[in-house]
Every structure is written in C-alpha cells, then in structure tokens.
Amino acid sequence: MTSLKNSPGMYALEQNDNKNHQGYLMNIQPQIPFHNRYAGFGTNVGSMKSGYYHNILSNNAANIESNLFNIGSVDLTKPKTQFNPSLNKIGEQTFFSKPAVFVPEPLVVQKKQRPSGPFC
C-alpha cells in the first residue's frame, strides 16, 4: 500500500490547513470591534480588554499609566518632563432616548397647617 503523505494533494491540503491555522492565531479582528463607543444612558459599560494595546482609548496608554503611578519621578539622571496625554475621542452609543426629567415646584412649608393636638 502506498503512502499519501508525500502526494501533491496531501501536501497542498496540509499547507492550506497551516495557513488557515496561522491566520486564525494572528487575526485580531474578533477581539477588536470596528466601531468603538462608550455606553450610553442606562447601559452597563462593557469590557475594553484590548483597548490598552490597540490604541482605542488613547495613543500613549503606557505613558499615561506610568504618569498616574508616578514612575520615573525620582530619576536623578534625567528629570521628568512635562507629560501630555493623547486621548482619542470616542462617541457614545445610545439604544433609547433619555426620558424627560420632571422637576417639581419648590416645596413651600406653610405654618399652622396641622391641627393642634393634646400634646402641643
């Protein structure tokens, strides 16, 4: 019985499987949405787990984190320079309109509105 391992068809099939498998491991699109938005009124904020590494929230996330934790503040060889964060403007995604807020008139407490009782 002959082996099919070295046949051109099996070789092409294995190369195609390897290419598809490598594309699956290297494809980052399932993790990053095409349009990023903040959650609107009445919606819980989801996880932006890949926002740190793929410049979704800011363009210099590592520098912002270092500045917030005050990393490099005691470096005697090079003084800390002025830091400017580069934040991205992300819109808001709303799913329903915000209900109108009804503000009541100011409460006015008038005197002698209750009957006097035996304990007054």
Protein backbone atom coordinates (compact mmCIF):
# COMPACT_ATOMS: atom_id res chain seq x y z
CA MET A 1 0.00 0.00 0.00
CA THR A 2 1.40 3.39 -0.92
CA SER A 3 1.50 6.32 1.48
CA LEU A 4 -0.37 9.50 0.62
CA LYS A 5 1.88 11.63 2.84
CA ASN A 6 4.14 12.82 0.01
CA SER A 7 1.47 13.21 -2.63
CA PRO A 8 0.89 16.72 -4.09
CA GLY A 9 -2.75 16.72 -2.96
CA MET A 10 -1.93 15.94 0.68
CA TYR A 11 0.88 18.49 0.67
CA ALA A 12 -1.49 21.19 -0.63
CA LEU A 13 -4.09 20.19 1.96
CA GLU A 14 -1.59 20.43 4.83
CA GLN A 15 -0.25 23.78 3.60
CA ASN A 16 -3.80 25.14 3.38
CA ASP A 17 -4.54 23.93 6.94
CA ASN A 18 -1.34 25.54 8.23
CA LYS A 19 -2.16 28.84 6.53
CA ASN A 20 -5.71 28.88 7.92
CA HIS A 21 -4.49 27.97 11.40
CA GLN A 22 -1.84 30.70 11.37
CA GLY A 23 -4.40 33.23 10.15
CA TYR A 24 -6.71 32.23 12.99
CA LEU A 25 -3.97 32.79 15.58
CA MET A 26 -2.78 36.09 14.08
CA ASN A 27 -6.21 37.60 13.35
CA ILE A 28 -7.06 40.23 15.95
CA GLN A 29 -10.36 41.37 14.44
CA PRO A 30 -12.60 39.09 16.55
CA GLN A 31 -11.28 40.90 19.65
CA ILE A 32 -11.47 44.48 18.40
CA PRO A 33 -14.77 45.93 17.20
CA PHE A 34 -14.73 48.08 14.07
CA HIS A 35 -16.54 50.98 15.78
CA ASN A 36 -15.76 51.68 19.43
CA ARG A 37 -18.25 53.66 21.52
CA TYR A 38 -18.88 54.41 25.16
CA ALA A 39 -22.08 53.02 26.65
CA GLY A 40 -24.96 55.47 26.69
CA PHE A 41 -27.58 56.28 29.29
CA GLY A 42 -28.91 53.20 31.13
CA THR A 43 -26.38 50.75 29.67
CA ASN A 44 -23.66 48.97 31.62
CA VAL A 45 -20.15 49.59 30.35
CA GLY A 46 -18.59 46.57 28.69
CA SER A 47 -15.00 45.40 28.91
CA MET A 48 -12.47 47.05 26.61
CA LYS A 49 -9.85 44.40 27.20
CA SER A 50 -7.95 45.19 24.04
CA GLY A 51 -8.31 48.97 24.29
CA TYR A 52 -4.98 49.28 26.08
CA TYR A 53 -2.89 47.54 23.44
CA HIS A 54 -4.57 48.67 20.24
CA ASN A 55 -4.79 52.46 20.76
CA ILE A 56 -8.56 52.59 21.16
CA LEU A 57 -8.81 54.80 24.24
CA SER A 58 -5.52 56.66 23.86
CA ASN A 59 -2.42 56.68 21.71
CA ASN A 60 0.07 56.53 24.59
CA ALA A 61 -1.55 54.28 27.19
CA ALA A 62 1.73 53.08 28.72
CA ASN A 63 2.93 56.65 29.27
CA ILE A 64 -0.38 57.62 30.86
CA GLU A 65 -0.19 54.66 33.24
CA SER A 66 3.42 55.46 34.12
CA ASN A 67 2.46 59.05 34.87
CA LEU A 68 -0.51 58.01 37.03
CA PHE A 69 1.68 55.66 39.08
CA ASN A 70 4.39 58.37 39.22
CA ILE A 71 7.01 56.12 37.67
CA GLY A 72 10.25 57.96 36.99
CA SER A 73 9.62 60.76 39.47
CA VAL A 74 12.79 60.03 41.47
CA ASP A 75 15.10 59.52 38.48
CA LEU A 76 18.16 61.63 39.31
CA THR A 77 19.87 61.23 35.93
CA LYS A 78 17.07 62.65 33.81
CA PRO A 79 14.37 64.91 35.29
CA LYS A 80 10.75 64.14 34.50
CA THR A 81 9.43 66.15 31.55
CA GLN A 82 6.00 67.66 31.01
CA PHE A 83 3.51 64.93 30.10
CA ASN A 84 0.75 65.39 27.51
CA PRO A 85 -1.73 62.52 27.17
CA SER A 86 -3.05 61.75 23.71
CA LEU A 87 -6.66 60.70 24.27
CA ASN A 88 -8.92 59.54 21.45
CA LYS A 89 -12.40 60.97 21.09
CA ILE A 90 -14.90 58.12 21.20
CA GLY A 91 -18.59 58.73 20.66
CA GLU A 92 -21.47 57.46 22.72
CA GLN A 93 -23.80 54.63 21.67
CA THR A 94 -27.37 55.07 22.89
CA PHE A 95 -30.08 52.46 22.45
CA PHE A 96 -33.06 54.53 23.57
CA SER A 97 -33.83 58.18 24.14
CA LYS A 98 -33.41 59.69 27.58
CA PRO A 99 -36.73 60.25 29.37
CA ALA A 100 -37.68 63.78 30.29
CA VAL A 101 -36.99 64.85 33.86
CA PHE A 102 -39.88 66.48 35.66
CA VAL A 103 -38.70 68.86 38.36
CA PRO A 104 -41.41 69.75 40.90
CA GLU A 105 -42.02 73.27 42.05
CA PRO A 106 -40.05 74.32 45.13
CA LEU A 107 -41.60 72.96 48.32
CA VAL A 108 -43.15 75.66 50.45
CA VAL A 109 -43.99 74.64 54.02
CA GLN A 110 -46.76 76.80 55.39
CA LYS A 111 -47.28 77.40 59.09
CA LYS A 112 -50.28 76.15 61.07
CA GLN A 113 -51.44 73.58 58.51
CA ARG A 114 -51.81 70.79 61.06
CA PRO A 115 -54.43 70.78 63.76
CA SER A 116 -53.14 71.32 67.25
CA GLY A 117 -53.24 68.16 69.32
CA PRO A 118 -53.33 67.44 73.03
CA PHE A 119 -49.52 67.24 73.20
CA CYS A 120 -48.76 70.69 71.76
